[in-house]
Every structure is written in structure tokens, then in C-alpha cells.
Amino acid sequence: MIHINNLHKSYGETVALKDITLHVNEGELFGLIGPDGAGKTTLMRILMSLLLPDGGTAHLAGLDVCKDYKQVRQITGYMPGRFSLYLDLSVEENLEFFATVFDTTIEENYDLIKDIYNQIEPFKKRRAGKLSGGMKQKLALSCALIHKPKVLILDEPTTGVDAVSRKEFWEMLMRLKKQGITILVSTPYMDEASLCDRIALIQEGHIFTVDTPEAIAAGFHEDIWAIKSKAIYETSKRLLYLPENISVNSFGQELHLVTPRGMYSESSIADFLKEEGESLFEVRATKASIEDVFILFMNRTSPTPPKEGLTDAGL
């Protein structure tokens, strides 16, 4: 459904996309995963014909996003990262406006949006600018779906909303996928990656892997140790002196220590910490997550990796 080949884009001397090649299958829920500044928004704006690429090609359902931009906009629904509906219009007025733009009506495609719109319909007379973050999110998605698009492009749709609204939003995406809509969603939240059929990990405009979340995590070839401590920051500094350690990162209330496969055991790491003066800690082997894979890649490709301190896992 979405075919991107050797796409690149620069803003002056800043390279936003570096020869991106990516293919999204029809009916797939595909995640573009990466931190702020990785190039996700630029890629999505090009797909929506809002930006022109410097080179390469992109097609949606066989349509060239540059040459056939009018047709592309007819078959796609788009949620930009920033809420962009009319704040002075009510919920109902916003939805009616977008239906009119696409020469349709709310009633004609109501079946597609009813599960979403039902949650905000009691507030249909309220101005969009007075809605909560979660309600704005649902309204924006309803407006993006009102013309029954073949492709749904969502740019960081859950940024800035609470955990409950994030969960509800992904449940809505799962239901839309069952209706045959191809969904491309970008997010900086690594925990959302596991909810996609396939994902692409992107950093500094370069996609370095594309696969299912399970396959990407299974391809992690180092050992990972989860370490809990009463003094987590001091423990992290001590672990930096563990010979041949690859990285030490903060994951919530524990540390993730990455070491070469087979080099250490729980007991040998515990012995090292005891020798360094640690007494209250716990060490256990753990499995890699998408965050572990992404952080390891960032550490290995960073031109000037930090010599001390933690790498924050909250990308």
C-alpha cells in the first residue's frame, strides 16, 4: 500500500531523511519508532504531499505523492502531531466541516467512526479548544476518518495525553485495522512498538531495521541484566567500571546492564558490585525489549558516546 524508495530530504545543511526505503503492506498496522528529531514527521509530511522530497519516490496505493497529490489526499486520513482542528468550532461543526471538504456526510460514514465518536458525542456542542487532550485526540481521529480513507497516517498521536487515553487510542487503532485500513503511525514511545504488526526503527533520518517487534527483540545478541539497588545512581557509576561492559541504562526503578554474550553470570556481577562496596542490590537476567535494541544501536553509532552517567531509556 505504501512504497518508499531512496527518499531523502534536507533543510539546508541538516539532513532530515537519508535514502529511506520502506514498504507497508495493505491492511497493516505499521509503526515508525524513534525519538524526537529522528525524521518521522518529515517522512509523514512528504507522504501527505505537504513537503516535496529532494530525491527518491513515494507511492500510496499506486499514486505518486508528488504527481498525484490530489488523489493521494482523497484516499488518506491524516493526524498531524499538533492538534490542528478549528478551536472556535464545536466538535460537531469540525466534523461536519471535514465531511463537507471531502464531499460526504457524517451519516454516510458514521459506522466507521461511531466507536470513537460515541465517546465525544455528549460534548458535540463544546468548542474544540475546550476539550481535554484525550477528547481532542478522538475528535482529530474522527475527522481523519470521516471520508473513509484507505490509508491512515498518524504523527505521534498519543504524545501529551494520559496513559488511559493512550491505551484507548491503540484499542481504536486495532479496531480500525480489522476494517481493512492501512495504518502508519509514528511514536517516540517504545512500549507502543509491540502493538504494531511491524516496525521501523529510525534515528537521525536513517532506518536501521524493519521487522516484527518480536523478531527485532529476539535479534539482540548480548546479555542483559536487570539490577535493582537502593542507590541506583551510585550503582550505575560503579557498573561503568565493569570490564567489557557495553552499556548501563536507567529503566524506571532498575538498571539494564548490557554485557557481551556469555561473559558474565548473575553471581559474577554480584561479586563485582560487592567488591565495589555495594550491599543492597538484586541482579537477574532479563530479555531484551525494543528500547534495549534501540538504545544499544544509539550507543554504538553515537560519534561521541558519554563516558559517564546514564542513558535515559525514556525516548
C-alpha atoms as a PDB file:
ATOM      1  CA  MET A   1       0.000   0.000   0.000  1.00  0.00           C
ATOM      2  CA  ILE A   2       2.878   2.398   0.832  1.00  0.00           C
ATOM      3  CA  HIS A   3       6.087   2.154  -1.198  1.00  0.00           C
ATOM      4  CA  ILE A   4       9.031   4.466  -0.460  1.00  0.00           C
ATOM      5  CA  ASN A   5      12.292   4.207  -2.383  1.00  0.00           C
ATOM      6  CA  ASN A   6      15.537   6.093  -1.710  1.00  0.00           C
ATOM      7  CA  LEU A   7      13.706   9.095  -0.279  1.00  0.00           C
ATOM      8  CA  HIS A   8      15.855  11.891   1.058  1.00  0.00           C
ATOM      9  CA  LYS A   9      15.222  15.377   2.345  1.00  0.00           C
ATOM     10  CA  SER A  10      17.423  18.147   3.745  1.00  0.00           C
ATOM     11  CA  TYR A  11      16.792  21.507   5.381  1.00  0.00           C
ATOM     12  CA  GLY A  12      19.852  23.472   4.382  1.00  0.00           C
ATOM     13  CA  GLU A  13      22.829  21.586   5.787  1.00  0.00           C
ATOM     14  CA  THR A  14      20.631  19.459   8.066  1.00  0.00           C
ATOM     15  CA  VAL A  15      19.802  16.070   6.588  1.00  0.00           C
ATOM     16  CA  ALA A  16      16.326  15.000   7.741  1.00  0.00           C
ATOM     17  CA  LEU A  17      15.961  11.782   5.725  1.00  0.00           C
ATOM     18  CA  LYS A  18      18.779   9.655   4.330  1.00  0.00           C
ATOM     19  CA  ASP A  19      17.762   7.468   1.375  1.00  0.00           C
ATOM     20  CA  ILE A  20      14.725   5.961   3.111  1.00  0.00           C
ATOM     21  CA  THR A  21      13.341   2.765   1.590  1.00  0.00           C
ATOM     22  CA  LEU A  22      10.238   1.332   3.225  1.00  0.00           C
ATOM     23  CA  HIS A  23       7.229  -0.772   2.238  1.00  0.00           C
ATOM     24  CA  VAL A  24       3.986  -1.030   4.215  1.00  0.00           C
ATOM     25  CA  ASN A  25       1.559  -3.803   3.305  1.00  0.00           C
ATOM     26  CA  GLU A  26      -2.141  -3.297   2.724  1.00  0.00           C
ATOM     27  CA  GLY A  27      -4.143  -3.657   5.944  1.00  0.00           C
ATOM     28  CA  GLU A  28      -1.004  -3.468   8.110  1.00  0.00           C
ATOM     29  CA  LEU A  29      -0.564  -1.504  11.324  1.00  0.00           C
ATOM     30  CA  PHE A  30       2.975  -0.238  10.863  1.00  0.00           C
ATOM     31  CA  GLY A  31       4.943   1.710  13.451  1.00  0.00           C
ATOM     32  CA  LEU A  32       7.653   4.280  12.791  1.00  0.00           C
ATOM     33  CA  ILE A  33       9.579   4.287  16.059  1.00  0.00           C
ATOM     34  CA  GLY A  34      12.155   6.841  17.100  1.00  0.00           C
ATOM     35  CA  PRO A  35      12.930   9.854  19.305  1.00  0.00           C
ATOM     36  CA  ASP A  36      12.142  13.488  18.532  1.00  0.00           C
ATOM     37  CA  GLY A  37      14.195  14.753  15.619  1.00  0.00           C
ATOM     38  CA  ALA A  38      14.571  11.323  14.016  1.00  0.00           C
ATOM     39  CA  GLY A  39      12.779  12.320  10.791  1.00  0.00           C
ATOM     40  CA  LYS A  40       9.333  10.808  11.439  1.00  0.00           C
ATOM     41  CA  THR A  41       7.340  13.999  10.854  1.00  0.00           C
ATOM     42  CA  THR A  42       9.269  14.911   7.702  1.00  0.00           C
ATOM     43  CA  LEU A  43       8.564  11.486   6.219  1.00  0.00           C
ATOM     44  CA  MET A  44       4.866  11.707   7.012  1.00  0.00           C
ATOM     45  CA  ARG A  45       4.538  15.212   5.594  1.00  0.00           C
ATOM     46  CA  ILE A  46       6.109  14.010   2.357  1.00  0.00           C
ATOM     47  CA  LEU A  47       3.651  11.105   2.198  1.00  0.00           C
ATOM     48  CA  MET A  48       0.795  13.595   2.642  1.00  0.00           C
ATOM     49  CA  SER A  49       2.232  15.787  -0.165  1.00  0.00           C
ATOM     50  CA  LEU A  50       2.793  18.639   2.298  1.00  0.00           C
ATOM     51  CA  LEU A  51       6.545  18.600   1.608  1.00  0.00           C
ATOM     52  CA  LEU A  52       8.493  17.845  -1.547  1.00  0.00           C
ATOM     53  CA  PRO A  53      11.396  15.389  -1.219  1.00  0.00           C
ATOM     54  CA  ASP A  54      14.825  16.265  -2.578  1.00  0.00           C
ATOM     55  CA  GLY A  55      15.022  12.878  -4.244  1.00  0.00           C
ATOM     56  CA  GLY A  56      13.529   9.399  -4.359  1.00  0.00           C
ATOM     57  CA  THR A  57       9.910   8.346  -4.772  1.00  0.00           C
ATOM     58  CA  ALA A  58       6.898   7.601  -2.596  1.00  0.00           C
ATOM     59  CA  HIS A  59       3.627   5.974  -3.635  1.00  0.00           C
ATOM     60  CA  LEU A  60       0.356   5.366  -1.786  1.00  0.00           C
ATOM     61  CA  ALA A  61      -1.934   2.773  -3.378  1.00  0.00           C
ATOM     62  CA  GLY A  62      -0.008   3.213  -6.614  1.00  0.00           C
ATOM     63  CA  LEU A  63      -0.310   7.026  -6.588  1.00  0.00           C
ATOM     64  CA  ASP A  64       2.790   9.211  -6.718  1.00  0.00           C
ATOM     65  CA  VAL A  65       2.652  11.560  -3.717  1.00  0.00           C
ATOM     66  CA  CYS A  66       4.080  14.421  -5.797  1.00  0.00           C
ATOM     67  CA  LYS A  67       2.393  13.999  -9.181  1.00  0.00           C
ATOM     68  CA  ASP A  68      -0.935  12.638  -7.898  1.00  0.00           C
ATOM     69  CA  TYR A  69      -1.207  14.686  -4.714  1.00  0.00           C
ATOM     70  CA  LYS A  70      -4.908  15.483  -5.150  1.00  0.00           C
ATOM     71  CA  GLN A  71      -5.850  11.804  -5.381  1.00  0.00           C
ATOM     72  CA  VAL A  72      -3.470  10.959  -2.514  1.00  0.00           C
ATOM     73  CA  ARG A  73      -5.279  13.380  -0.219  1.00  0.00           C
ATOM     74  CA  GLN A  74      -8.611  11.804  -1.125  1.00  0.00           C
ATOM     75  CA  ILE A  75      -7.574   8.318  -0.007  1.00  0.00           C
ATOM     76  CA  THR A  76      -5.657   9.259   3.140  1.00  0.00           C
ATOM     77  CA  GLY A  77      -6.623  10.367   6.621  1.00  0.00           C
ATOM     78  CA  TYR A  78      -4.015  12.421   8.463  1.00  0.00           C
ATOM     79  CA  MET A  79      -3.482  13.340  12.091  1.00  0.00           C
ATOM     80  CA  PRO A  80      -0.547  15.758  12.465  1.00  0.00           C
ATOM     81  CA  GLY A  81       1.467  15.760  15.644  1.00  0.00           C
ATOM     82  CA  ARG A  82      -0.004  19.081  16.698  1.00  0.00           C
ATOM     83  CA  PHE A  83      -3.760  19.482  17.189  1.00  0.00           C
ATOM     84  CA  SER A  84      -4.819  21.395  14.073  1.00  0.00           C
ATOM     85  CA  LEU A  85      -8.621  21.497  14.109  1.00  0.00           C
ATOM     86  CA  TYR A  86     -10.594  24.725  14.465  1.00  0.00           C
ATOM     87  CA  LEU A  87     -10.585  25.663  18.134  1.00  0.00           C
ATOM     88  CA  ASP A  88     -13.542  28.045  17.836  1.00  0.00           C
ATOM     89  CA  LEU A  89     -15.773  25.458  16.149  1.00  0.00           C
ATOM     90  CA  SER A  90     -17.661  22.890  18.160  1.00  0.00           C
ATOM     91  CA  VAL A  91     -16.976  19.170  17.989  1.00  0.00           C
ATOM     92  CA  GLU A  92     -19.939  18.697  15.663  1.00  0.00           C
ATOM     93  CA  GLU A  93     -19.018  21.671  13.474  1.00  0.00           C
ATOM     94  CA  ASN A  94     -15.451  20.444  12.998  1.00  0.00           C
ATOM     95  CA  LEU A  95     -16.671  17.029  11.917  1.00  0.00           C
ATOM     96  CA  GLU A  96     -19.266  18.492   9.556  1.00  0.00           C
ATOM     97  CA  PHE A  97     -16.642  20.789   8.027  1.00  0.00           C
ATOM     98  CA  PHE A  98     -14.255  17.931   7.208  1.00  0.00           C
ATOM     99  CA  ALA A  99     -17.091  15.818   5.846  1.00  0.00           C
ATOM    100  CA  THR A 100     -18.037  18.694   3.525  1.00  0.00           C
ATOM    101  CA  VAL A 101     -14.437  19.136   2.354  1.00  0.00           C
ATOM    102  CA  PHE A 102     -14.443  15.518   1.189  1.00  0.00           C
ATOM    103  CA  ASP A 103     -17.931  15.769  -0.293  1.00  0.00           C
ATOM    104  CA  THR A 104     -19.511  13.370   2.158  1.00  0.00           C
ATOM    105  CA  THR A 105     -21.648  13.500   5.306  1.00  0.00           C
ATOM    106  CA  ILE A 106     -21.334  12.341   8.881  1.00  0.00           C
ATOM    107  CA  GLU A 107     -24.280   9.989   8.365  1.00  0.00           C
ATOM    108  CA  GLU A 108     -22.754   8.330   5.284  1.00  0.00           C
ATOM    109  CA  ASN A 109     -19.649   7.078   7.099  1.00  0.00           C
ATOM    110  CA  TYR A 110     -20.903   7.092  10.666  1.00  0.00           C
ATOM    111  CA  ASP A 111     -20.371   3.326  11.033  1.00  0.00           C
ATOM    112  CA  LEU A 112     -16.629   3.863  10.637  1.00  0.00           C
ATOM    113  CA  ILE A 113     -16.330   6.466  13.384  1.00  0.00           C
ATOM    114  CA  LYS A 114     -19.171   5.560  15.748  1.00  0.00           C
ATOM    115  CA  ASP A 115     -16.989   3.654  18.256  1.00  0.00           C
ATOM    116  CA  ILE A 116     -14.770   6.729  18.544  1.00  0.00           C
ATOM    117  CA  TYR A 117     -17.352   9.487  18.155  1.00  0.00           C
ATOM    118  CA  ASN A 118     -19.717   7.917  20.709  1.00  0.00           C
ATOM    119  CA  GLN A 119     -17.219   8.884  23.417  1.00  0.00           C
ATOM    120  CA  ILE A 120     -17.245  12.585  22.499  1.00  0.00           C
ATOM    121  CA  GLU A 121     -20.788  12.930  21.148  1.00  0.00           C
ATOM    122  CA  PRO A 122     -22.134  14.053  24.566  1.00  0.00           C
ATOM    123  CA  PHE A 123     -19.839  17.088  24.138  1.00  0.00           C
ATOM    124  CA  LYS A 124     -20.639  17.746  20.475  1.00  0.00           C
ATOM    125  CA  LYS A 125     -21.681  21.362  21.196  1.00  0.00           C
ATOM    126  CA  ARG A 126     -18.462  22.140  23.074  1.00  0.00           C
ATOM    127  CA  ARG A 127     -15.758  24.116  21.297  1.00  0.00           C
ATOM    128  CA  ALA A 128     -12.758  22.045  20.272  1.00  0.00           C
ATOM    129  CA  GLY A 129     -10.430  24.383  22.156  1.00  0.00           C
ATOM    130  CA  LYS A 130     -12.179  23.496  25.416  1.00  0.00           C
ATOM    131  CA  LEU A 131     -11.686  19.731  25.091  1.00  0.00           C
ATOM    132  CA  SER A 132      -9.220  17.670  27.126  1.00  0.00           C
ATOM    133  CA  GLY A 133      -6.191  16.136  25.423  1.00  0.00           C
ATOM    134  CA  GLY A 134      -7.842  12.738  25.079  1.00  0.00           C
ATOM    135  CA  MET A 135     -11.053  14.236  23.674  1.00  0.00           C
ATOM    136  CA  LYS A 136      -9.105  16.323  21.154  1.00  0.00           C
ATOM    137  CA  GLN A 137      -7.339  13.160  20.085  1.00  0.00           C
ATOM    138  CA  LYS A 138     -10.634  11.350  19.465  1.00  0.00           C
ATOM    139  CA  LEU A 139     -12.078  14.299  17.558  1.00  0.00           C
ATOM    140  CA  ALA A 140      -8.989  14.554  15.350  1.00  0.00           C
ATOM    141  CA  LEU A 141      -9.171  10.842  14.575  1.00  0.00           C
ATOM    142  CA  SER A 142     -12.884  11.104  13.747  1.00  0.00           C
ATOM    143  CA  CYS A 143     -12.170  13.963  11.339  1.00  0.00           C
ATOM    144  CA  ALA A 144      -9.354  11.976   9.716  1.00  0.00           C
ATOM    145  CA  LEU A 145     -11.710   9.027   9.153  1.00  0.00           C
ATOM    146  CA  ILE A 146     -14.892  10.818   8.071  1.00  0.00           C
ATOM    147  CA  HIS A 147     -14.208  10.298   4.333  1.00  0.00           C
ATOM    148  CA  LYS A 148     -13.427   6.568   4.774  1.00  0.00           C
ATOM    149  CA  PRO A 149      -9.727   6.653   3.782  1.00  0.00           C
ATOM    150  CA  LYS A 150      -7.730   3.655   2.582  1.00  0.00           C
ATOM    151  CA  VAL A 151      -4.631   4.821   4.444  1.00  0.00           C
ATOM    152  CA  LEU A 152      -4.432   6.435   7.879  1.00  0.00           C
ATOM    153  CA  ILE A 153      -1.259   8.402   8.709  1.00  0.00           C
ATOM    154  CA  LEU A 154      -0.832   9.382  12.357  1.00  0.00           C
ATOM    155  CA  ASP A 155       2.078  11.520  13.514  1.00  0.00           C
ATOM    156  CA  GLU A 156       2.749  10.877  17.222  1.00  0.00           C
ATOM    157  CA  PRO A 157      -0.980  10.785  18.046  1.00  0.00           C
ATOM    158  CA  THR A 158      -0.533   9.876  21.724  1.00  0.00           C
ATOM    159  CA  THR A 159       2.061  12.479  22.662  1.00  0.00           C
ATOM    160  CA  GLY A 160       0.900  14.589  25.593  1.00  0.00           C
ATOM    161  CA  VAL A 161      -2.124  12.506  26.571  1.00  0.00           C
ATOM    162  CA  ASP A 162      -2.592  10.448  29.716  1.00  0.00           C
ATOM    163  CA  ALA A 163      -1.916   6.718  29.973  1.00  0.00           C
ATOM    164  CA  VAL A 164      -5.600   5.750  29.881  1.00  0.00           C
ATOM    165  CA  SER A 165      -6.198   7.779  26.702  1.00  0.00           C
ATOM    166  CA  ARG A 166      -3.125   6.208  25.112  1.00  0.00           C
ATOM    167  CA  LYS A 167      -4.477   2.723  25.829  1.00  0.00           C
ATOM    168  CA  GLU A 168      -7.926   3.616  24.475  1.00  0.00           C
ATOM    169  CA  PHE A 169      -6.417   5.120  21.342  1.00  0.00           C
ATOM    170  CA  TRP A 170      -4.459   1.973  20.483  1.00  0.00           C
ATOM    171  CA  GLU A 171      -7.559  -0.126  21.059  1.00  0.00           C
ATOM    172  CA  MET A 172      -9.315   2.082  18.489  1.00  0.00           C
ATOM    173  CA  LEU A 173      -6.464   1.544  16.028  1.00  0.00           C
ATOM    174  CA  MET A 174      -6.784  -2.219  16.414  1.00  0.00           C
ATOM    175  CA  ARG A 175     -10.474  -1.996  15.542  1.00  0.00           C
ATOM    176  CA  LEU A 176      -9.760   0.181  12.505  1.00  0.00           C
ATOM    177  CA  LYS A 177      -7.143  -2.285  11.295  1.00  0.00           C
ATOM    178  CA  LYS A 178      -9.775  -5.044  11.345  1.00  0.00           C
ATOM    179  CA  GLN A 179     -11.806  -2.912   8.931  1.00  0.00           C
ATOM    180  CA  GLY A 180      -9.007  -3.124   6.378  1.00  0.00           C
ATOM    181  CA  ILE A 181      -7.485   0.335   6.811  1.00  0.00           C
ATOM    182  CA  THR A 182      -3.716   0.535   6.355  1.00  0.00           C
ATOM    183  CA  ILE A 183      -2.247   2.461   9.287  1.00  0.00           C
ATOM    184  CA  LEU A 184       1.153   4.144   9.516  1.00  0.00           C
ATOM    185  CA  VAL A 185       1.731   5.562  12.993  1.00  0.00           C
ATOM    186  CA  SER A 186       4.800   7.254  14.427  1.00  0.00           C
ATOM    187  CA  THR A 187       5.630   7.373  18.111  1.00  0.00           C
ATOM    188  CA  PRO A 188       8.525   8.154  20.443  1.00  0.00           C
ATOM    189  CA  TYR A 189       7.135   5.632  22.948  1.00  0.00           C
ATOM    190  CA  MET A 190       8.896   2.291  22.701  1.00  0.00           C
ATOM    191  CA  ASP A 191       6.166   0.458  24.617  1.00  0.00           C
ATOM    192  CA  GLU A 192       3.756   1.174  21.741  1.00  0.00           C
ATOM    193  CA  ALA A 193       6.034  -0.629  19.300  1.00  0.00           C
ATOM    194  CA  SER A 194       4.874  -4.052  20.494  1.00  0.00           C
ATOM    195  CA  LEU A 195       1.309  -3.179  19.437  1.00  0.00           C
ATOM    196  CA  CYS A 196       2.254  -2.920  15.732  1.00  0.00           C
ATOM    197  CA  ASP A 197       2.417  -5.690  13.135  1.00  0.00           C
ATOM    198  CA  ARG A 198       5.829  -4.459  12.020  1.00  0.00           C
ATOM    199  CA  ILE A 199       8.011  -1.521  12.956  1.00  0.00           C
ATOM    200  CA  ALA A 200      10.860   0.526  11.560  1.00  0.00           C
ATOM    201  CA  LEU A 201      13.410   1.950  13.976  1.00  0.00           C
ATOM    202  CA  ILE A 202      14.560   5.367  12.780  1.00  0.00           C
ATOM    203  CA  GLN A 203      17.287   7.659  14.097  1.00  0.00           C
ATOM    204  CA  GLU A 204      18.799  10.783  12.514  1.00  0.00           C
ATOM    205  CA  GLY A 205      16.871  10.220   9.290  1.00  0.00           C
ATOM    206  CA  HIS A 206      18.104   6.676   8.811  1.00  0.00           C
ATOM    207  CA  ILE A 207      16.067   3.480   9.153  1.00  0.00           C
ATOM    208  CA  PHE A 208      18.330   0.818  10.565  1.00  0.00           C
ATOM    209  CA  THR A 209      15.948  -2.118  10.900  1.00  0.00           C
ATOM    210  CA  VAL A 210      12.448  -3.190   9.823  1.00  0.00           C
ATOM    211  CA  ASP A 211      10.763  -6.283  11.237  1.00  0.00           C
ATOM    212  CA  THR A 212       8.150  -7.506  13.684  1.00  0.00           C
ATOM    213  CA  PRO A 213       8.677  -6.289  17.267  1.00  0.00           C
ATOM    214  CA  GLU A 214       9.258  -9.889  18.373  1.00  0.00           C
ATOM    215  CA  ALA A 215      11.920 -10.525  15.729  1.00  0.00           C
ATOM    216  CA  ILE A 216      13.767  -7.300  16.500  1.00  0.00           C
ATOM    217  CA  ALA A 217      13.880  -8.049  20.224  1.00  0.00           C
ATOM    218  CA  ALA A 218      14.910 -11.670  19.548  1.00  0.00           C
ATOM    219  CA  GLY A 219      17.809 -10.431  17.431  1.00  0.00           C
ATOM    220  CA  PHE A 220      19.510  -8.832  20.415  1.00  0.00           C
ATOM    221  CA  HIS A 221      22.758 -10.806  20.722  1.00  0.00           C
ATOM    222  CA  GLU A 222      24.119  -9.543  24.037  1.00  0.00           C
ATOM    223  CA  ASP A 223      23.288 -10.402  27.640  1.00  0.00           C
ATOM    224  CA  ILE A 224      21.048  -8.057  29.630  1.00  0.00           C
ATOM    225  CA  TRP A 225      20.951  -7.893  33.419  1.00  0.00           C
ATOM    226  CA  ALA A 226      18.243  -6.112  35.385  1.00  0.00           C
ATOM    227  CA  ILE A 227      19.714  -4.618  38.556  1.00  0.00           C
ATOM    228  CA  LYS A 228      17.783  -3.108  41.439  1.00  0.00           C
ATOM    229  CA  SER A 229      19.542  -1.039  44.067  1.00  0.00           C
ATOM    230  CA  LYS A 230      18.792   1.298  46.948  1.00  0.00           C
ATOM    231  CA  ALA A 231      21.225   3.807  45.443  1.00  0.00           C
ATOM    232  CA  ILE A 232      20.613   3.384  41.726  1.00  0.00           C
ATOM    233  CA  TYR A 233      22.739   6.289  40.520  1.00  0.00           C
ATOM    234  CA  GLU A 234      25.811   5.240  42.526  1.00  0.00           C
ATOM    235  CA  THR A 235      25.347   1.659  41.347  1.00  0.00           C
ATOM    236  CA  SER A 236      25.240   2.789  37.723  1.00  0.00           C
ATOM    237  CA  LYS A 237      28.533   4.653  38.123  1.00  0.00           C
ATOM    238  CA  ARG A 238      30.180   1.574  39.636  1.00  0.00           C
ATOM    239  CA  LEU A 239      28.931  -0.665  36.810  1.00  0.00           C
ATOM    240  CA  LEU A 240      30.659   1.579  34.274  1.00  0.00           C
ATOM    241  CA  TYR A 241      33.920   0.126  35.582  1.00  0.00           C
ATOM    242  CA  LEU A 242      32.836  -3.464  34.952  1.00  0.00           C
ATOM    243  CA  PRO A 243      35.367  -4.754  32.371  1.00  0.00           C
ATOM    244  CA  GLU A 244      33.978  -5.026  28.827  1.00  0.00           C
ATOM    245  CA  ASN A 245      30.554  -3.664  29.786  1.00  0.00           C
ATOM    246  CA  ILE A 246      28.637  -2.387  26.754  1.00  0.00           C
ATOM    247  CA  SER A 247      26.154  -0.015  28.380  1.00  0.00           C
ATOM    248  CA  VAL A 248      24.326   0.850  31.587  1.00  0.00           C
ATOM    249  CA  ASN A 249      20.898   2.443  31.224  1.00  0.00           C
ATOM    250  CA  SER A 250      18.114   3.509  33.543  1.00  0.00           C
ATOM    251  CA  PHE A 251      14.795   1.675  33.060  1.00  0.00           C
ATOM    252  CA  GLY A 252      12.329   3.018  35.592  1.00  0.00           C
ATOM    253  CA  GLN A 253      13.266   1.711  39.037  1.00  0.00           C
ATOM    254  CA  GLU A 254      16.054  -0.543  37.801  1.00  0.00           C
ATOM    255  CA  LEU A 255      19.156  -0.558  35.631  1.00  0.00           C
ATOM    256  CA  HIS A 256      19.764  -2.550  32.471  1.00  0.00           C
ATOM    257  CA  LEU A 257      23.363  -3.666  32.152  1.00  0.00           C
ATOM    258  CA  VAL A 258      24.409  -4.960  28.730  1.00  0.00           C
ATOM    259  CA  THR A 259      27.435  -7.246  28.524  1.00  0.00           C
ATOM    260  CA  PRO A 260      28.967  -9.486  25.818  1.00  0.00           C
ATOM    261  CA  ARG A 261      27.142 -12.802  25.420  1.00  0.00           C
ATOM    262  CA  GLY A 262      28.391 -15.427  27.867  1.00  0.00           C
ATOM    263  CA  MET A 263      30.995 -13.242  29.592  1.00  0.00           C
ATOM    264  CA  TYR A 264      29.210 -12.762  32.914  1.00  0.00           C
ATOM    265  CA  SER A 265      26.753 -14.510  35.220  1.00  0.00           C
ATOM    266  CA  GLU A 266      24.467 -13.206  37.956  1.00  0.00           C
ATOM    267  CA  SER A 267      26.977 -14.304  40.577  1.00  0.00           C
ATOM    268  CA  SER A 268      29.999 -12.721  38.867  1.00  0.00           C
ATOM    269  CA  ILE A 269      28.192  -9.360  38.527  1.00  0.00           C
ATOM    270  CA  ALA A 270      27.092  -9.608  42.158  1.00  0.00           C
ATOM    271  CA  ASP A 271      30.681 -10.322  43.217  1.00  0.00           C
ATOM    272  CA  PHE A 272      31.880  -7.261  41.288  1.00  0.00           C
ATOM    273  CA  LEU A 273      29.329  -4.999  42.989  1.00  0.00           C
ATOM    274  CA  LYS A 274      30.229  -6.365  46.427  1.00  0.00           C
ATOM    275  CA  GLU A 275      33.885  -5.645  45.746  1.00  0.00           C
ATOM    276  CA  GLU A 276      32.887  -2.094  44.799  1.00  0.00           C
ATOM    277  CA  GLY A 277      31.143  -1.629  48.162  1.00  0.00           C
ATOM    278  CA  GLU A 278      27.533  -2.423  47.185  1.00  0.00           C
ATOM    279  CA  SER A 279      25.430  -4.343  49.696  1.00  0.00           C
ATOM    280  CA  LEU A 280      21.714  -3.840  48.969  1.00  0.00           C
ATOM    281  CA  PHE A 281      21.064  -4.881  45.375  1.00  0.00           C
ATOM    282  CA  GLU A 282      19.468  -7.568  43.219  1.00  0.00           C
ATOM    283  CA  VAL A 283      20.747  -8.974  39.890  1.00  0.00           C
ATOM    284  CA  ARG A 284      18.778 -11.086  37.425  1.00  0.00           C
ATOM    285  CA  ALA A 285      18.952 -11.936  33.735  1.00  0.00           C
ATOM    286  CA  THR A 286      16.228 -10.379  31.577  1.00  0.00           C
ATOM    287  CA  LYS A 287      15.073 -10.361  27.955  1.00  0.00           C
ATOM    288  CA  ALA A 288      15.682  -7.507  25.551  1.00  0.00           C
ATOM    289  CA  SER A 289      12.909  -5.046  24.760  1.00  0.00           C
ATOM    290  CA  ILE A 290      12.627  -2.716  21.765  1.00  0.00           C
ATOM    291  CA  GLU A 291      14.070   0.018  23.991  1.00  0.00           C
ATOM    292  CA  ASP A 292      17.157  -2.098  24.690  1.00  0.00           C
ATOM    293  CA  VAL A 293      17.702  -2.673  20.978  1.00  0.00           C
ATOM    294  CA  PHE A 294      17.253   0.998  20.144  1.00  0.00           C
ATOM    295  CA  ILE A 295      19.495   2.291  22.919  1.00  0.00           C
ATOM    296  CA  LEU A 296      22.250  -0.179  22.060  1.00  0.00           C
ATOM    297  CA  PHE A 297      22.141   0.971  18.449  1.00  0.00           C
ATOM    298  CA  MET A 298      22.286   4.626  19.509  1.00  0.00           C
ATOM    299  CA  ASN A 299      25.240   3.971  21.810  1.00  0.00           C
ATOM    300  CA  ARG A 300      27.153   2.158  19.080  1.00  0.00           C
ATOM    301  CA  THR A 301      26.502   4.775  16.394  1.00  0.00           C
ATOM    302  CA  SER A 302      26.932   7.901  18.523  1.00  0.00           C
ATOM    303  CA  PRO A 303      30.025   9.830  17.361  1.00  0.00           C
ATOM    304  CA  THR A 304      30.854  10.858  20.954  1.00  0.00           C
ATOM    305  CA  PRO A 305      29.363   8.363  23.410  1.00  0.00           C
ATOM    306  CA  PRO A 306      29.265   9.552  27.009  1.00  0.00           C
ATOM    307  CA  LYS A 307      31.968   8.159  29.263  1.00  0.00           C
ATOM    308  CA  GLU A 308      29.991   8.568  32.438  1.00  0.00           C
ATOM    309  CA  GLY A 309      26.375   8.722  33.524  1.00  0.00           C
ATOM    310  CA  LEU A 310      23.142   7.146  32.429  1.00  0.00           C
ATOM    311  CA  THR A 311      21.414   6.960  29.102  1.00  0.00           C
ATOM    312  CA  ASP A 312      17.749   7.727  29.719  1.00  0.00           C
ATOM    313  CA  ALA A 313      15.563   4.976  28.285  1.00  0.00           C
ATOM    314  CA  GLY A 314      12.501   7.222  28.064  1.00  0.00           C
ATOM    315  CA  LEU A 315      12.846   8.074  24.376  1.00  0.00           C
END
